[in-house]
Protein backbone atom coordinates (compact mmCIF):
# COMPACT_ATOMS: atom_id res chain seq x y z
CA MET A 1 -15.79 -23.07 -62.65
CA ALA A 2 -15.65 -19.80 -60.78
CA SER A 3 -18.87 -18.26 -59.58
CA ASP A 4 -19.87 -15.22 -57.55
CA SER A 5 -23.18 -16.74 -56.48
CA PRO A 6 -23.62 -17.73 -52.83
CA SER A 7 -21.92 -21.00 -52.02
CA ARG A 8 -24.07 -24.05 -51.46
CA PHE A 9 -21.63 -24.98 -48.72
CA GLU A 10 -22.76 -22.25 -46.31
CA ALA A 11 -21.16 -22.49 -42.91
CA THR A 12 -23.16 -22.39 -39.72
CA PRO A 13 -22.14 -19.90 -36.99
CA GLN A 14 -20.56 -22.78 -35.08
CA GLU A 15 -18.53 -23.83 -38.12
CA ARG A 16 -17.22 -20.28 -38.56
CA ARG A 17 -15.31 -20.67 -35.29
CA ILE A 18 -12.10 -22.66 -35.20
CA PRO A 19 -12.68 -25.39 -32.58
CA LEU A 20 -10.58 -25.52 -29.43
CA ALA A 21 -9.45 -28.98 -30.49
CA PHE A 22 -7.41 -27.34 -33.24
CA PHE A 23 -5.36 -25.36 -30.72
CA SER A 24 -4.60 -28.51 -28.74
CA PHE A 25 -3.53 -30.12 -31.99
CA LEU A 26 -1.43 -27.04 -32.80
CA LEU A 27 0.36 -27.16 -29.45
CA SER A 28 1.04 -30.88 -29.79
CA ARG A 29 2.50 -30.41 -33.25
CA LEU A 30 4.53 -27.39 -32.12
CA ALA A 31 6.15 -29.49 -29.38
CA ALA A 32 7.00 -32.25 -31.85
CA VAL A 33 8.36 -29.86 -34.48
CA PHE A 34 10.54 -28.14 -31.88
CA ALA A 35 11.98 -31.55 -31.03
CA MET A 36 12.62 -32.36 -34.70
CA GLN A 37 14.25 -29.00 -35.41
CA ILE A 38 16.48 -29.13 -32.32
CA GLN A 39 17.49 -32.71 -33.02
CA ALA A 40 18.19 -32.10 -36.73
CA VAL A 41 20.72 -29.39 -35.93
CA VAL A 42 22.37 -31.09 -32.97
CA VAL A 43 22.83 -34.55 -34.47
CA ALA A 44 24.54 -33.01 -37.52
CA TRP A 45 26.91 -31.05 -35.28
CA GLN A 46 27.65 -34.06 -33.12
CA VAL A 47 28.37 -36.39 -36.06
CA TYR A 48 30.68 -33.79 -37.56
CA ASP A 49 32.39 -33.31 -34.20
CA ILE A 50 33.14 -37.03 -34.15
CA THR A 51 34.24 -37.46 -37.77
CA ARG A 52 35.49 -34.02 -38.87
CA ASP A 53 34.44 -35.18 -42.33
CA PRO A 54 32.07 -32.92 -44.33
CA LEU A 55 30.82 -36.00 -46.19
CA SER A 56 29.35 -37.28 -42.94
CA LEU A 57 26.83 -34.45 -43.07
CA ALA A 58 25.60 -35.74 -46.43
CA TYR A 59 25.13 -39.17 -44.86
CA VAL A 60 23.11 -37.62 -42.03
CA GLY A 61 20.65 -36.25 -44.57
CA LEU A 62 20.71 -39.35 -46.75
CA ALA A 63 20.02 -41.68 -43.83
CA GLN A 64 16.76 -39.83 -43.16
CA PHE A 65 15.75 -39.00 -46.73
CA LEU A 66 15.97 -42.43 -48.38
CA PRO A 67 13.68 -44.33 -45.94
CA MET A 68 11.17 -41.51 -46.08
CA VAL A 69 11.02 -41.56 -49.89
CA VAL A 70 10.66 -45.36 -49.99
CA LEU A 71 7.88 -45.46 -47.38
CA LEU A 72 5.80 -42.39 -48.28
CA LEU A 73 3.40 -44.13 -50.69
CA PRO A 74 2.77 -47.16 -48.41
CA ALA A 75 2.38 -44.71 -45.52
CA GLY A 76 -0.30 -42.80 -47.42
CA ASP A 77 -2.20 -46.05 -47.95
CA LEU A 78 -2.11 -46.89 -44.23
CA VAL A 79 -3.20 -43.35 -43.33
CA ASP A 80 -6.34 -43.85 -45.45
CA ARG A 81 -7.14 -47.28 -44.01
CA PHE A 82 -6.58 -46.82 -40.28
CA ASN A 83 -7.15 -44.31 -37.51
CA ARG A 84 -4.95 -41.31 -38.35
CA LYS A 85 -4.63 -40.12 -34.78
CA HIS A 86 -3.31 -43.55 -33.75
CA ILE A 87 -0.83 -43.59 -36.65
CA LEU A 88 0.47 -40.14 -35.68
CA SER A 89 0.82 -41.24 -32.07
CA ILE A 90 2.85 -44.30 -33.08
CA SER A 91 5.00 -42.20 -35.41
CA TRP A 92 5.80 -39.68 -32.68
CA ALA A 93 6.42 -42.48 -30.21
CA VAL A 94 9.02 -43.98 -32.57
CA GLN A 95 10.63 -40.55 -32.95
CA ALA A 96 10.71 -40.24 -29.16
CA LEU A 97 12.45 -43.63 -29.08
CA CYS A 98 15.01 -42.27 -31.56
CA SER A 99 15.69 -39.32 -29.23
CA ALA A 100 16.17 -41.78 -26.36
CA LEU A 101 18.61 -43.84 -28.46
CA LEU A 102 20.56 -40.72 -29.45
CA LEU A 103 20.62 -39.74 -25.77
CA TRP A 104 22.14 -43.13 -24.95
CA LEU A 105 24.72 -42.89 -27.78
CA SER A 106 25.68 -39.41 -26.63
CA TYR A 107 25.83 -40.40 -22.95
CA THR A 108 28.11 -43.35 -23.71
CA ALA A 109 30.34 -41.03 -25.77
CA SER A 110 30.26 -43.40 -28.72
CA SER A 111 32.82 -42.58 -31.39
CA ASP A 112 31.23 -44.91 -33.94
CA VAL A 113 28.80 -42.88 -36.07
CA THR A 114 27.22 -46.04 -37.52
CA GLY A 115 24.83 -46.10 -34.58
CA PHE A 116 23.82 -42.50 -35.26
CA TYR A 117 23.09 -43.30 -38.92
CA ALA A 118 21.00 -46.33 -37.93
CA VAL A 119 18.91 -44.24 -35.53
CA LEU A 120 18.46 -41.54 -38.16
CA ALA A 121 17.26 -44.15 -40.67
CA LEU A 122 14.63 -45.27 -38.15
CA PHE A 123 13.74 -41.61 -37.62
CA GLY A 124 13.29 -41.19 -41.39
CA CYS A 125 10.94 -44.18 -41.46
CA ALA A 126 8.79 -42.58 -38.75
CA ARG A 127 8.77 -39.22 -40.56
CA ALA A 128 7.35 -40.91 -43.66
CA PHE A 129 4.17 -41.54 -41.67
CA THR A 130 4.14 -38.21 -39.83
CA GLY A 131 3.82 -35.94 -42.88
CA PRO A 132 0.79 -37.41 -44.69
CA THR A 133 -0.91 -38.16 -41.37
CA LEU A 134 -0.65 -34.57 -40.15
CA GLN A 135 -1.98 -33.18 -43.43
CA SER A 136 -4.84 -35.69 -43.55
CA LEU A 137 -5.78 -35.43 -39.87
CA LEU A 138 -6.35 -31.67 -39.87
CA PRO A 139 -9.60 -31.81 -41.96
CA GLN A 140 -10.93 -34.34 -39.45
CA ILE A 141 -10.43 -31.82 -36.63
CA VAL A 142 -11.44 -28.53 -38.28
CA PRO A 143 -14.67 -27.92 -40.25
CA ARG A 144 -14.38 -27.11 -43.95
CA ALA A 145 -15.42 -23.50 -43.45
CA GLN A 146 -12.33 -22.83 -41.30
CA LEU A 147 -9.84 -25.09 -43.05
CA SER A 148 -8.00 -22.32 -44.90
CA ARG A 149 -7.54 -20.23 -41.73
CA ALA A 150 -6.47 -23.30 -39.76
CA ILE A 151 -3.88 -24.21 -42.41
CA ALA A 152 -2.50 -20.65 -42.39
CA LEU A 153 -2.27 -20.55 -38.58
CA ASN A 154 -0.76 -24.00 -38.49
CA SER A 155 1.91 -23.09 -41.07
CA SER A 156 2.78 -19.79 -39.40
CA ILE A 157 3.03 -21.21 -35.89
CA MET A 158 5.28 -23.99 -37.17
CA LYS A 159 7.65 -21.28 -38.42
CA ILE A 160 8.25 -20.39 -34.77
CA ALA A 161 9.74 -23.84 -34.29
CA VAL A 162 11.66 -23.62 -37.56
CA ILE A 163 13.22 -20.32 -36.46
CA GLY A 164 13.61 -21.01 -32.73
CA GLY A 165 14.40 -24.73 -32.80
CA PRO A 166 17.88 -24.52 -34.32
CA LEU A 167 18.73 -21.55 -32.10
CA LEU A 168 17.63 -23.40 -28.96
CA GLY A 169 19.46 -26.51 -30.13
CA GLY A 170 22.70 -24.57 -30.48
CA ILE A 171 22.36 -23.16 -26.97
CA LEU A 172 21.54 -26.55 -25.46
CA TYR A 173 24.37 -28.31 -27.28
CA ALA A 174 26.83 -26.03 -25.49
CA TYR A 175 25.83 -27.96 -22.35
CA GLY A 176 26.18 -31.35 -24.01
CA GLY A 177 24.41 -33.59 -26.48
CA SER A 178 22.79 -35.68 -23.75
CA LEU A 179 20.86 -32.71 -22.37
CA THR A 180 19.73 -31.73 -25.86
CA TYR A 181 18.36 -35.18 -26.72
CA ALA A 182 16.67 -35.32 -23.32
CA VAL A 183 14.84 -32.08 -24.17
CA CYS A 184 13.84 -33.56 -27.55
CA LEU A 185 12.50 -36.66 -25.80
CA VAL A 186 10.44 -34.52 -23.41
CA CYS A 187 9.04 -32.47 -26.32
CA PHE A 188 7.95 -35.60 -28.21
CA LEU A 189 6.29 -37.00 -25.08
CA LEU A 190 4.57 -33.65 -24.49
CA GLY A 191 3.30 -33.70 -28.06
CA LEU A 192 1.93 -37.22 -27.52
CA ALA A 193 0.20 -36.22 -24.29
CA LEU A 194 -1.47 -33.21 -25.94
CA LEU A 195 -2.51 -35.27 -28.96
CA VAL A 196 -4.49 -37.60 -26.70
CA THR A 197 -6.77 -34.69 -25.77
CA VAL A 198 -7.60 -33.83 -29.41
CA PRO A 199 -11.07 -35.08 -30.47
CA VAL A 200 -11.54 -36.17 -34.08
CA ARG A 201 -14.98 -34.78 -35.02
CA PHE A 202 -15.11 -35.23 -38.78
CA ARG A 203 -13.73 -38.71 -39.31
CA LYS A 204 -15.24 -40.82 -42.09
CA GLU A 205 -15.16 -44.56 -42.32
CA ALA A 206 -12.51 -45.78 -44.76
CA ARG A 207 -13.93 -47.12 -48.01
CA PRO A 208 -11.03 -48.95 -49.73
CA GLN A 209 -11.88 -49.75 -53.36
CA GLU A 210 -8.56 -50.96 -54.77
CA THR A 211 -8.03 -54.71 -54.71
CA THR A 212 -4.23 -54.94 -54.54
CA ALA A 213 -1.57 -53.21 -52.48
CA TRP A 214 0.06 -51.77 -55.60
CA LYS A 215 -3.23 -50.23 -56.75
CA ARG A 216 -3.76 -48.75 -53.30
CA PHE A 217 -0.23 -47.32 -53.20
CA THR A 218 -0.54 -45.70 -56.64
CA ALA A 219 -4.16 -44.56 -56.27
CA GLY A 220 -2.97 -41.16 -55.06
CA ILE A 221 -0.91 -40.63 -58.21
CA ALA A 222 -3.83 -41.70 -60.42
CA TYR A 223 -6.23 -39.41 -58.56
CA ILE A 224 -3.94 -36.40 -58.87
CA ARG A 225 -3.34 -37.07 -62.58
CA ASN A 226 -7.11 -36.90 -63.23
CA LYS A 227 -7.74 -33.75 -61.15
CA PRO A 228 -6.40 -30.64 -62.96
CA ILE A 229 -6.78 -28.42 -59.90
CA ILE A 230 -4.64 -30.66 -57.69
CA LEU A 231 -2.15 -31.54 -60.42
CA GLY A 232 -1.74 -27.89 -61.39
CA ALA A 233 -1.28 -26.70 -57.78
CA ILE A 234 1.28 -29.38 -56.90
CA SER A 235 3.29 -29.09 -60.12
CA LEU A 236 3.31 -25.28 -60.02
CA ASP A 237 4.77 -25.31 -56.51
CA LEU A 238 7.18 -28.11 -57.44
CA PHE A 239 8.74 -26.33 -60.42
CA ALA A 240 8.74 -22.92 -58.70
CA VAL A 241 10.81 -24.33 -55.83
CA LEU A 242 12.93 -26.47 -58.15
CA LEU A 243 13.87 -23.50 -60.34
CA GLY A 244 13.57 -20.46 -58.11
CA GLY A 245 14.95 -21.54 -54.74
CA VAL A 246 18.08 -19.66 -53.64
CA ILE A 247 18.66 -21.10 -50.14
CA ALA A 248 21.61 -23.20 -51.31
CA LEU A 249 23.28 -20.05 -52.68
CA LEU A 250 22.97 -17.95 -49.52
CA PRO A 251 26.46 -18.79 -48.16
CA ILE A 252 28.01 -17.66 -51.45
CA TYR A 253 26.03 -14.43 -51.51
CA ALA A 254 26.78 -13.67 -47.86
CA GLN A 255 30.51 -14.19 -48.23
CA GLU A 256 31.37 -13.11 -51.78
CA ILE A 257 28.66 -10.68 -52.90
CA LEU A 258 27.14 -9.01 -49.85
CA HIS A 259 30.26 -9.39 -47.63
CA VAL A 260 28.29 -9.78 -44.41
CA GLY A 261 29.84 -12.88 -42.83
CA PRO A 262 28.08 -15.65 -40.88
CA GLU A 263 25.89 -13.21 -38.94
CA GLY A 264 24.51 -11.85 -42.19
CA LEU A 265 23.99 -15.38 -43.46
CA GLY A 266 21.81 -16.14 -40.45
CA ALA A 267 19.83 -12.96 -41.04
CA LEU A 268 19.28 -13.86 -44.70
CA ARG A 269 18.03 -17.34 -43.80
CA SER A 270 15.72 -15.91 -41.14
CA ALA A 271 14.22 -13.38 -43.58
CA ILE A 272 12.45 -16.13 -45.53
CA ALA A 273 10.99 -17.67 -42.37
CA ILE A 274 9.98 -14.28 -40.94
CA GLY A 275 8.16 -13.36 -44.15
CA ALA A 276 6.33 -16.68 -44.12
CA LEU A 277 5.48 -16.31 -40.43
CA LEU A 278 4.01 -12.82 -40.82
CA MET A 279 1.99 -13.77 -43.89
CA GLY A 280 0.75 -16.94 -42.23
CA ILE A 281 -0.53 -14.95 -39.25
CA TYR A 282 -2.26 -12.50 -41.62
CA LEU A 283 -3.93 -15.33 -43.56
CA GLY A 284 -5.02 -16.88 -40.30
CA VAL A 285 -6.88 -13.69 -39.44
CA ARG A 286 -7.98 -12.61 -42.94
CA GLU A 287 -8.56 -15.71 -45.02
CA LEU A 288 -8.62 -15.55 -48.81
CA LYS A 289 -12.20 -15.53 -50.10
CA ARG A 290 -12.11 -14.64 -53.79
CA ASN A 291 -9.93 -15.34 -56.84
CA VAL A 292 -7.78 -17.85 -54.99
CA GLY A 293 -6.55 -19.42 -58.23
CA TRP A 294 -5.33 -16.09 -59.57
CA ILE A 295 -3.83 -15.25 -56.19
CA MET A 296 -1.78 -18.45 -56.25
CA PHE A 297 -0.36 -17.63 -59.68
CA VAL A 298 0.39 -14.04 -58.63
CA ALA A 299 2.07 -15.27 -55.42
CA VAL A 300 4.36 -17.64 -57.33
CA ALA A 301 5.17 -14.83 -59.79
CA VAL A 302 6.04 -12.52 -56.88
CA PHE A 303 8.19 -15.33 -55.45
CA GLY A 304 10.11 -15.47 -58.74
CA LEU A 305 10.45 -11.68 -58.96
CA ALA A 306 11.65 -11.42 -55.36
CA ASN A 307 14.29 -14.07 -55.99
CA LEU A 308 15.31 -12.20 -59.15
CA VAL A 309 15.77 -9.00 -57.13
CA PHE A 310 17.84 -10.95 -54.62
CA ALA A 311 19.93 -12.42 -57.43
CA LEU A 312 20.87 -8.99 -58.76
CA SER A 313 21.20 -7.11 -55.46
CA THR A 314 24.55 -6.16 -53.96
CA VAL A 315 23.00 -4.28 -51.01
CA PHE A 316 22.32 -6.31 -47.89
CA TRP A 317 19.04 -4.69 -46.83
CA VAL A 318 17.62 -4.97 -50.35
CA SER A 319 18.55 -8.65 -50.43
CA TRP A 320 17.02 -9.17 -46.97
CA LEU A 321 13.75 -7.51 -47.98
CA ALA A 322 13.64 -9.52 -51.21
CA LEU A 323 13.91 -12.77 -49.26
CA LEU A 324 11.27 -11.53 -46.80
CA VAL A 325 8.87 -10.93 -49.71
CA ALA A 326 9.78 -14.30 -51.24
CA GLY A 327 8.94 -16.04 -47.94
CA ALA A 328 5.60 -14.21 -47.67
CA ALA A 329 4.69 -15.03 -51.28
CA ASP A 330 5.63 -18.66 -50.78
CA MET A 331 3.36 -18.84 -47.74
CA ILE A 332 0.41 -17.61 -49.83
CA SER A 333 1.13 -20.23 -52.49
CA VAL A 334 1.48 -22.98 -49.88
CA ASN A 335 -1.76 -21.96 -48.16
CA VAL A 336 -3.75 -22.00 -51.40
CA ARG A 337 -2.17 -25.26 -52.57
CA ILE A 338 -2.77 -27.18 -49.35
CA THR A 339 -6.33 -25.88 -48.94
CA LEU A 340 -7.28 -26.75 -52.52
CA ILE A 341 -5.77 -30.22 -52.17
CA GLN A 342 -7.63 -30.86 -48.92
CA LEU A 343 -10.98 -29.66 -50.27
CA ALA A 344 -10.65 -31.34 -53.69
CA THR A 345 -9.74 -34.72 -52.19
CA PRO A 346 -12.21 -37.17 -50.60
CA ASP A 347 -11.35 -38.02 -47.02
CA GLU A 348 -10.63 -41.66 -47.87
CA MET A 349 -7.99 -40.51 -50.40
CA ARG A 350 -6.29 -37.74 -48.42
CA GLY A 351 -3.51 -39.87 -46.98
CA ARG A 352 -2.35 -41.12 -50.37
CA VAL A 353 -2.76 -37.76 -52.11
CA ASN A 354 -0.88 -35.94 -49.33
CA ALA A 355 1.85 -38.59 -49.46
CA VAL A 356 2.33 -37.91 -53.18
CA ASN A 357 2.28 -34.17 -52.52
CA MET A 358 4.97 -34.54 -49.85
CA LEU A 359 7.02 -36.81 -52.09
CA PHE A 360 7.11 -34.29 -54.92
CA ILE A 361 7.45 -31.15 -52.81
CA GLY A 362 10.11 -32.73 -50.61
CA SER A 363 12.02 -33.91 -53.67
CA SER A 364 11.77 -30.46 -55.23
CA ASN A 365 13.45 -28.95 -52.16
CA GLU A 366 16.32 -31.43 -52.36
CA LEU A 367 16.65 -31.25 -56.15
CA GLY A 368 16.24 -27.47 -56.08
CA GLU A 369 19.28 -27.10 -53.84
CA PHE A 370 21.16 -29.52 -56.07
CA ARG A 371 20.12 -27.53 -59.18
CA ALA A 372 21.20 -24.24 -57.61
CA GLY A 373 24.52 -25.64 -56.41
CA THR A 374 25.49 -27.27 -59.69
CA SER A 375 24.39 -24.22 -61.72
CA ALA A 376 26.47 -21.97 -59.49
CA ALA A 377 29.46 -24.28 -59.98
CA TRP A 378 29.03 -24.17 -63.76
CA PHE A 379 27.97 -20.57 -64.40
CA GLY A 380 28.45 -18.67 -61.12
CA ALA A 381 26.05 -17.85 -58.29
CA VAL A 382 24.47 -14.74 -59.82
CA PRO A 383 23.66 -16.30 -63.24
CA ALA A 384 22.31 -19.39 -61.49
CA ALA A 385 19.98 -17.29 -59.30
CA VAL A 386 18.89 -15.11 -62.23
CA VAL A 387 18.09 -18.11 -64.42
CA GLY A 388 16.12 -19.63 -61.53
CA GLY A 389 14.01 -16.51 -61.05
CA LEU A 390 13.31 -16.21 -64.78
CA GLY A 391 12.48 -19.90 -64.93
CA THR A 392 9.89 -19.46 -62.18
CA LEU A 393 8.20 -16.63 -64.10
CA ALA A 394 8.19 -18.76 -67.25
CA VAL A 395 6.55 -21.63 -65.37
CA VAL A 396 3.82 -19.30 -64.09
CA GLY A 397 2.99 -18.14 -67.61
CA LEU A 398 2.98 -21.67 -69.01
CA TRP A 399 0.91 -23.15 -66.17
CA MET A 400 -1.74 -20.45 -66.55
CA LYS A 401 -2.36 -21.77 -70.06
CA VAL A 402 -2.01 -25.47 -69.32
CA PHE A 403 -4.21 -25.44 -66.17
CA PRO A 404 -7.05 -22.95 -66.83
CA SER A 405 -9.26 -24.71 -64.25
CA LEU A 406 -6.77 -23.79 -61.52
CA ARG A 407 -6.64 -20.20 -62.73
CA GLN A 408 -10.45 -19.99 -62.70
CA VAL A 409 -10.94 -21.16 -59.12
CA ASN A 410 -12.71 -18.32 -57.35
CA ARG A 411 -13.38 -19.61 -53.84
CA PHE A 412 -11.83 -22.54 -52.07
CA GLU A 413 -15.25 -24.22 -52.03
CA ASP A 414 -15.15 -24.40 -55.83
CA ALA A 415 -12.62 -27.21 -55.47
CA THR A 416 -15.37 -29.42 -54.00
CA GLN A 417 -17.33 -29.33 -57.25
CA GLU A 418 -15.33 -32.31 -58.47
CA LEU A 419 -16.19 -34.36 -55.37
CA PRO A 420 -19.13 -36.75 -54.97
CA ALA A 421 -22.14 -35.01 -53.44
CA ARG A 422 -21.91 -36.93 -50.14
CA GLU A 423 -18.29 -35.74 -49.68
CA ALA A 424 -18.84 -32.14 -50.78
CA THR A 425 -21.68 -31.58 -48.36
CA ALA A 426 -20.05 -33.26 -45.38
């Protein structure tokens, strides 16, 4: 599959430049992600303030997670059949409505958390459409030649919101929940206003081929199953996160092993995001051009090794650096995975394929934390983290044998070889 010969998908000088529309899209998404990150932190604090019951925090997550899981596959179908920009606008508008409802609940000083759970369930429904739409809309804004750089810049800039959103939310909440939700509402509306200015230059007319709703919903799963590159990339990331993630164990390490307290815990959590941010910026400037399949496998292996170093470390700065490296390696893997999926998937299938990708990757995050927590309860935190790191390395070795086509991908453009000619040359 790999080849060192010049690509038949040569980019024109205009295509080598990331269009200005992408930066408008980036700013709109940044505003929306800031709102989501601020709101996620504040609503959890507020519900706990009302109930003083730790179980209520589980319900906060469950109220958002269950609707999203149920609606992801139907959402992917709608994303492929209708205007993606319009779907994203509606999704953000519903999320803005949720911020307004939370503002009203907070302003009225409601002590009944049922209303909060209901709003969060509606918010989870909207998020089911946001994820696959965002992933599928980007290739309609940015030309293929710049897709990898755009994905890297997009991922790195979003880390700013992931890092700064919770911090800003904590500061705002000191002045009251009403003010915080008002800021979230303004951010969602700002994101909507900026999205209106984003032109969609590479949109293709939808060509639905499946005859029933069930066939349309499951078409993404069937497509992924028959494409070794996509299946290998998604499953490699899924099992690496499922086995190797240590985020759930950070409070135990901070308190009982590193003895650094809550401040150290915050620093450990930020190390992963900082590593991802720095690597994302680098990939946005210096895109990967050769041996991308090998690079993905190496990145996941480095992710496993870094988590193994963290598992065995008793020195804070060593643990911090290990998590920094793990975050950077994970960003490389994510960049390669998303770019390959986008390039190996026809435009009329991207919504459903990205919905399946989000379903599995999102589930792996949730199940990964559950795996780490239960393993720590059974065997202890250090053995659980060590087994996870070793498991990640084992998965890398096994996947290199099971998915040789993924290993042999040289350039991102090689992924288009499995596409119909009309799609590959678009």
